[in-house]
Amino acid sequence: MEKLVRPALRAILEAIDGINNAVQGKTLADYGGDWLLRHGVQRGIEVISEASRRIPANLQASQPQVPWAQIMGIGNVLRHEYHRVSDTIIWNVVQEHLPTLKSAILVIDANLVED
């Protein structure tokens, strides 16, 4: 199981780091006015959403502060209901929720036992 989970954890961490680098020094107004930045951040969140589905329920349960259902669901919104996507909501996810997710992913990764 761990060998299957670790690539998903790495993908999440890479996406979070990429998003953080992209928005460093930016404001919500900068984000809203930059098509490429918005779509890059949204794609990173889609990757996070998809990769989070590969984390088994018992590992998700070990990090109850993370809203796993919402993380898994936001990818569907970005892919299928893109016309409803709010820059403010995405910006809030990046600023307020990705740091918590990153910490949780690092803990899960550190606790995995190699086969």
PDB file of N, CA and C in Angstrom:
ATOM      1  N   MET A   1       0.825  -1.201   0.000  1.00  0.00           N
ATOM      2  CA  MET A   1       0.000   0.000   0.000  1.00  0.00           C
ATOM      3  C   MET A   1       0.865   1.260   0.000  1.00  0.00           C
ATOM      4  N   GLU A   2       1.899   1.271   0.855  1.00  0.00           N
ATOM      5  CA  GLU A   2       2.718   2.473   0.984  1.00  0.00           C
ATOM      6  C   GLU A   2       3.361   2.873  -0.341  1.00  0.00           C
ATOM      7  N   LYS A   3       3.775   1.869  -1.121  1.00  0.00           N
ATOM      8  CA  LYS A   3       4.412   2.167  -2.398  1.00  0.00           C
ATOM      9  C   LYS A   3       3.432   2.813  -3.365  1.00  0.00           C
ATOM     10  N   LEU A   4       2.150   2.533  -3.202  1.00  0.00           N
ATOM     11  CA  LEU A   4       1.132   3.142  -4.047  1.00  0.00           C
ATOM     12  C   LEU A   4       0.737   4.528  -3.541  1.00  0.00           C
ATOM     13  N   VAL A   5       0.842   4.734  -2.248  1.00  0.00           N
ATOM     14  CA  VAL A   5       0.448   6.002  -1.636  1.00  0.00           C
ATOM     15  C   VAL A   5       1.526   7.067  -1.797  1.00  0.00           C
ATOM     16  N   ARG A   6       2.763   6.667  -1.660  1.00  0.00           N
ATOM     17  CA  ARG A   6       3.853   7.650  -1.665  1.00  0.00           C
ATOM     18  C   ARG A   6       3.875   8.517  -2.931  1.00  0.00           C
ATOM     19  N   PRO A   7       3.681   7.971  -4.146  1.00  0.00           N
ATOM     20  CA  PRO A   7       3.648   8.853  -5.324  1.00  0.00           C
ATOM     21  C   PRO A   7       2.527   9.889  -5.266  1.00  0.00           C
ATOM     22  N   ALA A   8       1.399   9.530  -4.695  1.00  0.00           N
ATOM     23  CA  ALA A   8       0.300  10.488  -4.543  1.00  0.00           C
ATOM     24  C   ALA A   8       0.684  11.594  -3.562  1.00  0.00           C
ATOM     25  N   LEU A   9       1.329  11.220  -2.479  1.00  0.00           N
ATOM     26  CA  LEU A   9       1.778  12.215  -1.503  1.00  0.00           C
ATOM     27  C   LEU A   9       2.782  13.168  -2.137  1.00  0.00           C
ATOM     28  N   ARG A  10       3.698  12.611  -2.917  1.00  0.00           N
ATOM     29  CA  ARG A  10       4.700  13.439  -3.598  1.00  0.00           C
ATOM     30  C   ARG A  10       4.041  14.400  -4.590  1.00  0.00           C
ATOM     31  N   ALA A  11       3.032  13.909  -5.307  1.00  0.00           N
ATOM     32  CA  ALA A  11       2.329  14.767  -6.272  1.00  0.00           C
ATOM     33  C   ALA A  11       1.633  15.920  -5.562  1.00  0.00           C
ATOM     34  N   ILE A  12       1.044  15.639  -4.415  1.00  0.00           N
ATOM     35  CA  ILE A  12       0.380  16.690  -3.642  1.00  0.00           C
ATOM     36  C   ILE A  12       1.394  17.726  -3.167  1.00  0.00           C
ATOM     37  N   LEU A  13       2.494  17.253  -2.614  1.00  0.00           N
ATOM     38  CA  LEU A  13       3.515  18.180  -2.123  1.00  0.00           C
ATOM     39  C   LEU A  13       4.096  19.018  -3.258  1.00  0.00           C
ATOM     40  N   GLU A  14       4.337  18.394  -4.400  1.00  0.00           N
ATOM     41  CA  GLU A  14       4.868  19.133  -5.545  1.00  0.00           C
ATOM     42  C   GLU A  14       3.878  20.200  -6.016  1.00  0.00           C
ATOM     43  N   ALA A  15       2.598  19.847  -6.050  1.00  0.00           N
ATOM     44  CA  ALA A  15       1.576  20.811  -6.472  1.00  0.00           C
ATOM     45  C   ALA A  15       1.474  21.965  -5.478  1.00  0.00           C
ATOM     46  N   ILE A  16       1.496  21.655  -4.193  1.00  0.00           N
ATOM     47  CA  ILE A  16       1.427  22.713  -3.177  1.00  0.00           C
ATOM     48  C   ILE A  16       2.633  23.642  -3.306  1.00  0.00           C
ATOM     49  N   ASP A  17       3.815  23.071  -3.445  1.00  0.00           N
ATOM     50  CA  ASP A  17       5.008  23.908  -3.576  1.00  0.00           C
ATOM     51  C   ASP A  17       4.953  24.751  -4.844  1.00  0.00           C
ATOM     52  N   GLY A  18       4.485  24.177  -5.938  1.00  0.00           N
ATOM     53  CA  GLY A  18       4.359  24.926  -7.184  1.00  0.00           C
ATOM     54  C   GLY A  18       3.383  26.076  -7.062  1.00  0.00           C
ATOM     55  N   ILE A  19       2.250  25.810  -6.430  1.00  0.00           N
ATOM     56  CA  ILE A  19       1.250  26.857  -6.215  1.00  0.00           C
ATOM     57  C   ILE A  19       1.838  27.956  -5.335  1.00  0.00           C
ATOM     58  N   ASN A  20       2.478  27.560  -4.238  1.00  0.00           N
ATOM     59  CA  ASN A  20       3.061  28.557  -3.331  1.00  0.00           C
ATOM     60  C   ASN A  20       4.097  29.419  -4.041  1.00  0.00           C
ATOM     61  N   ASN A  21       4.920  28.811  -4.859  1.00  0.00           N
ATOM     62  CA  ASN A  21       5.920  29.584  -5.612  1.00  0.00           C
ATOM     63  C   ASN A  21       5.247  30.542  -6.590  1.00  0.00           C
ATOM     64  N   ALA A  22       4.182  30.079  -7.234  1.00  0.00           N
ATOM     65  CA  ALA A  22       3.495  30.906  -8.229  1.00  0.00           C
ATOM     66  C   ALA A  22       2.810  32.119  -7.613  1.00  0.00           C
ATOM     67  N   VAL A  23       2.288  31.974  -6.400  1.00  0.00           N
ATOM     68  CA  VAL A  23       1.535  33.077  -5.791  1.00  0.00           C
ATOM     69  C   VAL A  23       2.372  33.922  -4.832  1.00  0.00           C
ATOM     70  N   GLN A  24       3.610  33.527  -4.635  1.00  0.00           N
ATOM     71  CA  GLN A  24       4.465  34.281  -3.705  1.00  0.00           C
ATOM     72  C   GLN A  24       4.540  35.745  -4.128  1.00  0.00           C
ATOM     73  N   GLY A  25       4.230  36.621  -3.187  1.00  0.00           N
ATOM     74  CA  GLY A  25       4.275  38.051  -3.434  1.00  0.00           C
ATOM     75  C   GLY A  25       3.088  38.594  -4.207  1.00  0.00           C
ATOM     76  N   LYS A  26       2.121  37.750  -4.500  1.00  0.00           N
ATOM     77  CA  LYS A  26       0.936  38.167  -5.269  1.00  0.00           C
ATOM     78  C   LYS A  26      -0.220  38.474  -4.322  1.00  0.00           C
ATOM     79  N   THR A  27      -1.150  39.251  -4.825  1.00  0.00           N
ATOM     80  CA  THR A  27      -2.386  39.560  -4.098  1.00  0.00           C
ATOM     81  C   THR A  27      -3.550  38.893  -4.809  1.00  0.00           C
ATOM     82  N   LEU A  28      -4.698  38.939  -4.183  1.00  0.00           N
ATOM     83  CA  LEU A  28      -5.907  38.426  -4.827  1.00  0.00           C
ATOM     84  C   LEU A  28      -6.154  39.153  -6.141  1.00  0.00           C
ATOM     85  N   ALA A  29      -5.921  40.447  -6.164  1.00  0.00           N
ATOM     86  CA  ALA A  29      -6.108  41.214  -7.407  1.00  0.00           C
ATOM     87  C   ALA A  29      -5.135  40.753  -8.490  1.00  0.00           C
ATOM     88  N   ASP A  30      -3.888  40.496  -8.104  1.00  0.00           N
ATOM     89  CA  ASP A  30      -2.916  39.963  -9.061  1.00  0.00           C
ATOM     90  C   ASP A  30      -3.401  38.630  -9.619  1.00  0.00           C
ATOM     91  N   TYR A  31      -3.842  37.789  -8.721  1.00  0.00           N
ATOM     92  CA  TYR A  31      -4.338  36.462  -9.100  1.00  0.00           C
ATOM     93  C   TYR A  31      -5.514  36.590 -10.069  1.00  0.00           C
ATOM     94  N   GLY A  32      -6.478  37.409  -9.715  1.00  0.00           N
ATOM     95  CA  GLY A  32      -7.668  37.571 -10.544  1.00  0.00           C
ATOM     96  C   GLY A  32      -7.381  38.159 -11.915  1.00  0.00           C
ATOM     97  N   GLY A  33      -6.317  38.936 -12.015  1.00  0.00           N
ATOM     98  CA  GLY A  33      -5.998  39.588 -13.274  1.00  0.00           C
ATOM     99  C   GLY A  33      -5.027  38.829 -14.160  1.00  0.00           C
ATOM    100  N   ASP A  34      -4.588  37.666 -13.720  1.00  0.00           N
ATOM    101  CA  ASP A  34      -3.585  36.914 -14.471  1.00  0.00           C
ATOM    102  C   ASP A  34      -4.148  35.550 -14.861  1.00  0.00           C
ATOM    103  N   TRP A  35      -4.583  35.444 -16.122  1.00  0.00           N
ATOM    104  CA  TRP A  35      -5.219  34.223 -16.618  1.00  0.00           C
ATOM    105  C   TRP A  35      -4.327  33.009 -16.402  1.00  0.00           C
ATOM    106  N   LEU A  36      -3.052  33.131 -16.747  1.00  0.00           N
ATOM    107  CA  LEU A  36      -2.130  32.004 -16.643  1.00  0.00           C
ATOM    108  C   LEU A  36      -1.930  31.585 -15.192  1.00  0.00           C
ATOM    109  N   LEU A  37      -1.793  32.535 -14.299  1.00  0.00           N
ATOM    110  CA  LEU A  37      -1.654  32.228 -12.880  1.00  0.00           C
ATOM    111  C   LEU A  37      -2.899  31.523 -12.363  1.00  0.00           C
ATOM    112  N   ARG A  38      -4.074  32.057 -12.668  1.00  0.00           N
ATOM    113  CA  ARG A  38      -5.328  31.426 -12.215  1.00  0.00           C
ATOM    114  C   ARG A  38      -5.422  29.984 -12.682  1.00  0.00           C
ATOM    115  N   HIS A  39      -5.161  29.769 -13.950  1.00  0.00           N
ATOM    116  CA  HIS A  39      -5.315  28.421 -14.489  1.00  0.00           C
ATOM    117  C   HIS A  39      -4.217  27.480 -14.003  1.00  0.00           C
ATOM    118  N   GLY A  40      -3.027  28.003 -13.769  1.00  0.00           N
ATOM    119  CA  GLY A  40      -1.967  27.181 -13.194  1.00  0.00           C
ATOM    120  C   GLY A  40      -2.299  26.743 -11.780  1.00  0.00           C
ATOM    121  N   VAL A  41      -2.798  27.671 -10.983  1.00  0.00           N
ATOM    122  CA  VAL A  41      -3.194  27.342  -9.606  1.00  0.00           C
ATOM    123  C   VAL A  41      -4.350  26.347  -9.624  1.00  0.00           C
ATOM    124  N   GLN A  42      -5.328  26.584 -10.473  1.00  0.00           N
ATOM    125  CA  GLN A  42      -6.458  25.666 -10.552  1.00  0.00           C
ATOM    126  C   GLN A  42      -6.008  24.267 -10.958  1.00  0.00           C
ATOM    127  N   ARG A  43      -5.091  24.174 -11.902  1.00  0.00           N
ATOM    128  CA  ARG A  43      -4.576  22.863 -12.317  1.00  0.00           C
ATOM    129  C   ARG A  43      -3.853  22.194 -11.160  1.00  0.00           C
ATOM    130  N   GLY A  44      -3.068  22.946 -10.405  1.00  0.00           N
ATOM    131  CA  GLY A  44      -2.405  22.378  -9.237  1.00  0.00           C
ATOM    132  C   GLY A  44      -3.405  21.831  -8.228  1.00  0.00           C
ATOM    133  N   ILE A  45      -4.494  22.544  -8.033  1.00  0.00           N
ATOM    134  CA  ILE A  45      -5.531  22.075  -7.105  1.00  0.00           C
ATOM    135  C   ILE A  45      -6.219  20.833  -7.661  1.00  0.00           C
ATOM    136  N   GLU A  46      -6.404  20.757  -8.969  1.00  0.00           N
ATOM    137  CA  GLU A  46      -6.957  19.536  -9.575  1.00  0.00           C
ATOM    138  C   GLU A  46      -6.050  18.336  -9.297  1.00  0.00           C
ATOM    139  N   VAL A  47      -4.743  18.525  -9.431  1.00  0.00           N
ATOM    140  CA  VAL A  47      -3.790  17.443  -9.157  1.00  0.00           C
ATOM    141  C   VAL A  47      -3.891  17.017  -7.691  1.00  0.00           C
ATOM    142  N   ILE A  48      -3.940  17.985  -6.805  1.00  0.00           N
ATOM    143  CA  ILE A  48      -4.087  17.692  -5.373  1.00  0.00           C
ATOM    144  C   ILE A  48      -5.369  16.893  -5.136  1.00  0.00           C
ATOM    145  N   SER A  49      -6.446  17.328  -5.747  1.00  0.00           N
ATOM    146  CA  SER A  49      -7.733  16.659  -5.582  1.00  0.00           C
ATOM    147  C   SER A  49      -7.666  15.207  -6.044  1.00  0.00           C
ATOM    148  N   GLU A  50      -7.113  14.991  -7.219  1.00  0.00           N
ATOM    149  CA  GLU A  50      -7.040  13.637  -7.769  1.00  0.00           C
ATOM    150  C   GLU A  50      -6.103  12.756  -6.951  1.00  0.00           C
ATOM    151  N   ALA A  51      -4.944  13.279  -6.587  1.00  0.00           N
ATOM    152  CA  ALA A  51      -3.982  12.490  -5.816  1.00  0.00           C
ATOM    153  C   ALA A  51      -4.519  12.158  -4.428  1.00  0.00           C
ATOM    154  N   SER A  52      -5.320  13.038  -3.852  1.00  0.00           N
ATOM    155  CA  SER A  52      -5.862  12.777  -2.509  1.00  0.00           C
ATOM    156  C   SER A  52      -6.786  11.563  -2.508  1.00  0.00           C
ATOM    157  N   ARG A  53      -7.362  11.239  -3.653  1.00  0.00           N
ATOM    158  CA  ARG A  53      -8.232  10.062  -3.762  1.00  0.00           C
ATOM    159  C   ARG A  53      -7.447   8.763  -3.610  1.00  0.00           C
ATOM    160  N   ARG A  54      -6.139   8.829  -3.764  1.00  0.00           N
ATOM    161  CA  ARG A  54      -5.284   7.638  -3.649  1.00  0.00           C
ATOM    162  C   ARG A  54      -4.785   7.409  -2.224  1.00  0.00           C
ATOM    163  N   ILE A  55      -5.168   8.292  -1.327  1.00  0.00           N
ATOM    164  CA  ILE A  55      -4.774   8.131   0.075  1.00  0.00           C
ATOM    165  C   ILE A  55      -5.872   7.327   0.771  1.00  0.00           C
ATOM    166  N   PRO A  56      -5.539   6.161   1.305  1.00  0.00           N
ATOM    167  CA  PRO A  56      -6.546   5.314   1.945  1.00  0.00           C
ATOM    168  C   PRO A  56      -7.251   6.021   3.107  1.00  0.00           C
ATOM    169  N   ALA A  57      -8.470   5.592   3.341  1.00  0.00           N
ATOM    170  CA  ALA A  57      -9.316   6.211   4.371  1.00  0.00           C
ATOM    171  C   ALA A  57      -8.652   6.200   5.745  1.00  0.00           C
ATOM    172  N   ASN A  58      -7.941   5.126   6.084  1.00  0.00           N
ATOM    173  CA  ASN A  58      -7.319   5.070   7.415  1.00  0.00           C
ATOM    174  C   ASN A  58      -6.223   6.122   7.557  1.00  0.00           C
ATOM    175  N   LEU A  59      -5.515   6.408   6.462  1.00  0.00           N
ATOM    176  CA  LEU A  59      -4.498   7.453   6.530  1.00  0.00           C
ATOM    177  C   LEU A  59      -5.145   8.837   6.562  1.00  0.00           C
ATOM    178  N   GLN A  60      -6.219   9.013   5.818  1.00  0.00           N
ATOM    179  CA  GLN A  60      -6.955  10.274   5.893  1.00  0.00           C
ATOM    180  C   GLN A  60      -7.482  10.492   7.303  1.00  0.00           C
ATOM    181  N   ALA A  61      -7.997   9.428   7.904  1.00  0.00           N
ATOM    182  CA  ALA A  61      -8.563   9.538   9.256  1.00  0.00           C
ATOM    183  C   ALA A  61      -7.502   9.925  10.285  1.00  0.00           C
ATOM    184  N   SER A  62      -6.238   9.638   9.990  1.00  0.00           N
ATOM    185  CA  SER A  62      -5.172  10.008  10.923  1.00  0.00           C
ATOM    186  C   SER A  62      -4.921  11.516  10.937  1.00  0.00           C
ATOM    187  N   GLN A  63      -5.516  12.227   9.984  1.00  0.00           N
ATOM    188  CA  GLN A  63      -5.366  13.686   9.893  1.00  0.00           C
ATOM    189  C   GLN A  63      -6.764  14.315   9.789  1.00  0.00           C
ATOM    190  N   PRO A  64      -7.537  14.255  10.865  1.00  0.00           N
ATOM    191  CA  PRO A  64      -8.936  14.693  10.811  1.00  0.00           C
ATOM    192  C   PRO A  64      -9.131  16.195  10.607  1.00  0.00           C
ATOM    193  N   GLN A  65      -8.083  16.991  10.775  1.00  0.00           N
ATOM    194  CA  GLN A  65      -8.191  18.433  10.564  1.00  0.00           C
ATOM    195  C   GLN A  65      -8.287  18.793   9.083  1.00  0.00           C
ATOM    196  N   VAL A  66      -8.029  17.836   8.219  1.00  0.00           N
ATOM    197  CA  VAL A  66      -8.067  18.061   6.773  1.00  0.00           C
ATOM    198  C   VAL A  66      -9.452  17.705   6.247  1.00  0.00           C
ATOM    199  N   PRO A  67     -10.095  18.603   5.509  1.00  0.00           N
ATOM    200  CA  PRO A  67     -11.424  18.309   4.935  1.00  0.00           C
ATOM    201  C   PRO A  67     -11.290  17.471   3.652  1.00  0.00           C
ATOM    202  N   TRP A  68     -11.013  16.177   3.828  1.00  0.00           N
ATOM    203  CA  TRP A  68     -10.710  15.298   2.700  1.00  0.00           C
ATOM    204  C   TRP A  68     -11.813  15.277   1.647  1.00  0.00           C
ATOM    205  N   ALA A  69     -13.062  15.221   2.064  1.00  0.00           N
ATOM    206  CA  ALA A  69     -14.165  15.171   1.089  1.00  0.00           C
ATOM    207  C   ALA A  69     -14.176  16.413   0.208  1.00  0.00           C
ATOM    208  N   GLN A  70     -13.931  17.570   0.810  1.00  0.00           N
ATOM    209  CA  GLN A  70     -13.911  18.806   0.035  1.00  0.00           C
ATOM    210  C   GLN A  70     -12.708  18.837  -0.914  1.00  0.00           C
ATOM    211  N   ILE A  71     -11.581  18.327  -0.458  1.00  0.00           N
ATOM    212  CA  ILE A  71     -10.389  18.293  -1.318  1.00  0.00           C
ATOM    213  C   ILE A  71     -10.652  17.396  -2.523  1.00  0.00           C
ATOM    214  N   MET A  72     -11.211  16.235  -2.275  1.00  0.00           N
ATOM    215  CA  MET A  72     -11.499  15.318  -3.381  1.00  0.00           C
ATOM    216  C   MET A  72     -12.557  15.897  -4.316  1.00  0.00           C
ATOM    217  N   GLY A  73     -13.477  16.668  -3.783  1.00  0.00           N
ATOM    218  CA  GLY A  73     -14.569  17.213  -4.576  1.00  0.00           C
ATOM    219  C   GLY A  73     -14.233  18.454  -5.377  1.00  0.00           C
ATOM    220  N   ILE A  74     -13.260  19.242  -4.937  1.00  0.00           N
ATOM    221  CA  ILE A  74     -12.989  20.505  -5.622  1.00  0.00           C
ATOM    222  C   ILE A  74     -12.476  20.290  -7.047  1.00  0.00           C
ATOM    223  N   GLY A  75     -11.826  19.177  -7.268  1.00  0.00           N
ATOM    224  CA  GLY A  75     -11.361  18.883  -8.626  1.00  0.00           C
ATOM    225  C   GLY A  75     -12.515  18.767  -9.599  1.00  0.00           C
ATOM    226  N   ASN A  76     -13.604  18.146  -9.161  1.00  0.00           N
ATOM    227  CA  ASN A  76     -14.783  18.022 -10.025  1.00  0.00           C
ATOM    228  C   ASN A  76     -15.384  19.388 -10.331  1.00  0.00           C
ATOM    229  N   VAL A  77     -15.398  20.257  -9.345  1.00  0.00           N
ATOM    230  CA  VAL A  77     -15.916  21.605  -9.571  1.00  0.00           C
ATOM    231  C   VAL A  77     -15.048  22.326 -10.601  1.00  0.00           C
ATOM    232  N   LEU A  78     -13.738  22.232 -10.441  1.00  0.00           N
ATOM    233  CA  LEU A  78     -12.828  22.914 -11.371  1.00  0.00           C
ATOM    234  C   LEU A  78     -12.943  22.353 -12.788  1.00  0.00           C
ATOM    235  N   ARG A  79     -13.172  21.059 -12.908  1.00  0.00           N
ATOM    236  CA  ARG A  79     -13.265  20.436 -14.232  1.00  0.00           C
ATOM    237  C   ARG A  79     -14.624  20.614 -14.885  1.00  0.00           C
ATOM    238  N   HIS A  80     -15.681  20.527 -14.102  1.00  0.00           N
ATOM    239  CA  HIS A  80     -17.018  20.458 -14.684  1.00  0.00           C
ATOM    240  C   HIS A  80     -17.882  21.687 -14.435  1.00  0.00           C
ATOM    241  N   GLU A  81     -17.565  22.453 -13.435  1.00  0.00           N
ATOM    242  CA  GLU A  81     -18.371  23.629 -13.112  1.00  0.00           C
ATOM    243  C   GLU A  81     -17.490  24.878 -13.071  1.00  0.00           C
ATOM    244  N   TYR A  82     -16.545  24.918 -13.999  1.00  0.00           N
ATOM    245  CA  TYR A  82     -15.548  25.992 -14.058  1.00  0.00           C
ATOM    246  C   TYR A  82     -16.174  27.378 -14.121  1.00  0.00           C
ATOM    247  N   HIS A  83     -17.381  27.468 -14.660  1.00  0.00           N
ATOM    248  CA  HIS A  83     -18.068  28.759 -14.756  1.00  0.00           C
ATOM    249  C   HIS A  83     -18.488  29.291 -13.383  1.00  0.00           C
ATOM    250  N   ARG A  84     -18.497  28.412 -12.381  1.00  0.00           N
ATOM    251  CA  ARG A  84     -18.879  28.810 -11.021  1.00  0.00           C
ATOM    252  C   ARG A  84     -17.684  29.089 -10.121  1.00  0.00           C
ATOM    253  N   VAL A  85     -16.470  28.900 -10.635  1.00  0.00           N
ATOM    254  CA  VAL A  85     -15.278  29.029  -9.805  1.00  0.00           C
ATOM    255  C   VAL A  85     -15.066  30.491  -9.410  1.00  0.00           C
ATOM    256  N   SER A  86     -14.911  30.706  -8.129  1.00  0.00           N
ATOM    257  CA  SER A  86     -14.691  32.046  -7.582  1.00  0.00           C
ATOM    258  C   SER A  86     -13.210  32.252  -7.291  1.00  0.00           C
ATOM    259  N   ASP A  87     -12.651  33.334  -7.828  1.00  0.00           N
ATOM    260  CA  ASP A  87     -11.254  33.647  -7.542  1.00  0.00           C
ATOM    261  C   ASP A  87     -11.019  33.768  -6.038  1.00  0.00           C
ATOM    262  N   THR A  88     -11.961  34.363  -5.336  1.00  0.00           N
ATOM    263  CA  THR A  88     -11.815  34.556  -3.890  1.00  0.00           C
ATOM    264  C   THR A  88     -11.761  33.223  -3.160  1.00  0.00           C
ATOM    265  N   ILE A  89     -12.592  32.277  -3.562  1.00  0.00           N
ATOM    266  CA  ILE A  89     -12.600  30.964  -2.904  1.00  0.00           C
ATOM    267  C   ILE A  89     -11.286  30.237  -3.171  1.00  0.00           C
ATOM    268  N   ILE A  90     -10.843  30.233  -4.414  1.00  0.00           N
ATOM    269  CA  ILE A  90      -9.583  29.553  -4.740  1.00  0.00           C
ATOM    270  C   ILE A  90      -8.427  30.212  -3.995  1.00  0.00           C
ATOM    271  N   TRP A  91      -8.403  31.539  -3.967  1.00  0.00           N
ATOM    272  CA  TRP A  91      -7.346  32.260  -3.246  1.00  0.00           C
ATOM    273  C   TRP A  91      -7.366  31.876  -1.768  1.00  0.00           C
ATOM    274  N   ASN A  92      -8.543  31.765  -1.185  1.00  0.00           N
ATOM    275  CA  ASN A  92      -8.675  31.368   0.214  1.00  0.00           C
ATOM    276  C   ASN A  92      -8.156  29.946   0.429  1.00  0.00           C
ATOM    277  N   VAL A  93      -8.464  29.053  -0.490  1.00  0.00           N
ATOM    278  CA  VAL A  93      -7.950  27.683  -0.391  1.00  0.00           C
ATOM    279  C   VAL A  93      -6.428  27.713  -0.352  1.00  0.00           C
ATOM    280  N   VAL A  94      -5.842  28.468  -1.259  1.00  0.00           N
ATOM    281  CA  VAL A  94      -4.380  28.551  -1.340  1.00  0.00           C
ATOM    282  C   VAL A  94      -3.792  29.140  -0.061  1.00  0.00           C
ATOM    283  N   GLN A  95      -4.344  30.222   0.398  1.00  0.00           N
ATOM    284  CA  GLN A  95      -3.779  30.938   1.543  1.00  0.00           C
ATOM    285  C   GLN A  95      -4.068  30.270   2.889  1.00  0.00           C
ATOM    286  N   GLU A  96      -5.259  29.719   3.034  1.00  0.00           N
ATOM    287  CA  GLU A  96      -5.696  29.228   4.340  1.00  0.00           C
ATOM    288  C   GLU A  96      -5.625  27.710   4.502  1.00  0.00           C
ATOM    289  N   HIS A  97      -5.817  26.962   3.436  1.00  0.00           N
ATOM    290  CA  HIS A  97      -5.969  25.516   3.581  1.00  0.00           C
ATOM    291  C   HIS A  97      -4.775  24.698   3.101  1.00  0.00           C
ATOM    292  N   LEU A  98      -4.026  25.183   2.115  1.00  0.00           N
ATOM    293  CA  LEU A  98      -2.886  24.407   1.639  1.00  0.00           C
ATOM    294  C   LEU A  98      -1.800  24.222   2.699  1.00  0.00           C
ATOM    295  N   PRO A  99      -1.528  25.216   3.559  1.00  0.00           N
ATOM    296  CA  PRO A  99      -0.515  24.962   4.594  1.00  0.00           C
ATOM    297  C   PRO A  99      -0.889  23.813   5.540  1.00  0.00           C
ATOM    298  N   THR A 100      -2.152  23.731   5.918  1.00  0.00           N
ATOM    299  CA  THR A 100      -2.615  22.638   6.782  1.00  0.00           C
ATOM    300  C   THR A 100      -2.503  21.304   6.061  1.00  0.00           C
ATOM    301  N   LEU A 101      -2.896  21.298   4.789  1.00  0.00           N
ATOM    302  CA  LEU A 101      -2.802  20.068   4.008  1.00  0.00           C
ATOM    303  C   LEU A 101      -1.345  19.627   3.875  1.00  0.00           C
ATOM    304  N   LYS A 102      -0.462  20.555   3.592  1.00  0.00           N
ATOM    305  CA  LYS A 102       0.954  20.202   3.452  1.00  0.00           C
ATOM    306  C   LYS A 102       1.484  19.575   4.733  1.00  0.00           C
ATOM    307  N   SER A 103       1.173  20.159   5.868  1.00  0.00           N
ATOM    308  CA  SER A 103       1.616  19.600   7.149  1.00  0.00           C
ATOM    309  C   SER A 103       1.093  18.183   7.347  1.00  0.00           C
ATOM    310  N   ALA A 104      -0.175  17.971   7.009  1.00  0.00           N
ATOM    311  CA  ALA A 104      -0.789  16.644   7.161  1.00  0.00           C
ATOM    312  C   ALA A 104      -0.132  15.630   6.229  1.00  0.00           C
ATOM    313  N   ILE A 105       0.136  16.029   5.008  1.00  0.00           N
ATOM    314  CA  ILE A 105       0.760  15.125   4.046  1.00  0.00           C
ATOM    315  C   ILE A 105       2.167  14.757   4.505  1.00  0.00           C
ATOM    316  N   LEU A 106       2.894  15.706   5.036  1.00  0.00           N
ATOM    317  CA  LEU A 106       4.237  15.415   5.546  1.00  0.00           C
ATOM    318  C   LEU A 106       4.191  14.425   6.704  1.00  0.00           C
ATOM    319  N   VAL A 107       3.197  14.552   7.574  1.00  0.00           N
ATOM    320  CA  VAL A 107       3.051  13.610   8.696  1.00  0.00           C
ATOM    321  C   VAL A 107       2.700  12.215   8.164  1.00  0.00           C
ATOM    322  N   ILE A 108       1.768  12.136   7.246  1.00  0.00           N
ATOM    323  CA  ILE A 108       1.399  10.832   6.672  1.00  0.00           C
ATOM    324  C   ILE A 108       2.624  10.196   6.030  1.00  0.00           C
ATOM    325  N   ASP A 109       3.352  10.972   5.255  1.00  0.00           N
ATOM    326  CA  ASP A 109       4.542  10.459   4.567  1.00  0.00           C
ATOM    327  C   ASP A 109       5.581   9.961   5.557  1.00  0.00           C
ATOM    328  N   ALA A 110       5.811  10.718   6.616  1.00  0.00           N
ATOM    329  CA  ALA A 110       6.817  10.335   7.618  1.00  0.00           C
ATOM    330  C   ALA A 110       6.425   9.050   8.346  1.00  0.00           C
ATOM    331  N   ASN A 111       5.126   8.785   8.450  1.00  0.00           N
ATOM    332  CA  ASN A 111       4.657   7.615   9.180  1.00  0.00           C
ATOM    333  C   ASN A 111       4.501   6.374   8.323  1.00  0.00           C
ATOM    334  N   LEU A 112       4.692   6.498   7.023  1.00  0.00           N
ATOM    335  CA  LEU A 112       4.600   5.326   6.148  1.00  0.00           C
ATOM    336  C   LEU A 112       5.797   4.422   6.394  1.00  0.00           C
ATOM    337  N   VAL A 113       5.531   3.138   6.380  1.00  0.00           N
ATOM    338  CA  VAL A 113       6.573   2.135   6.571  1.00  0.00           C
ATOM    339  C   VAL A 113       6.842   1.498   5.219  1.00  0.00           C
ATOM    340  N   GLU A 114       8.109   1.465   4.828  1.00  0.00           N
ATOM    341  CA  GLU A 114       8.490   0.813   3.560  1.00  0.00           C
ATOM    342  C   GLU A 114       8.269  -0.683   3.662  1.00  0.00           C
ATOM    343  N   ASP A 115       7.834  -1.257   2.559  1.00  0.00           N
ATOM    344  CA  ASP A 115       7.666  -2.719   2.504  1.00  0.00           C
ATOM    345  C   ASP A 115       8.999  -3.396   2.304  1.00  0.00           C
TER     346      ASP A 115
END
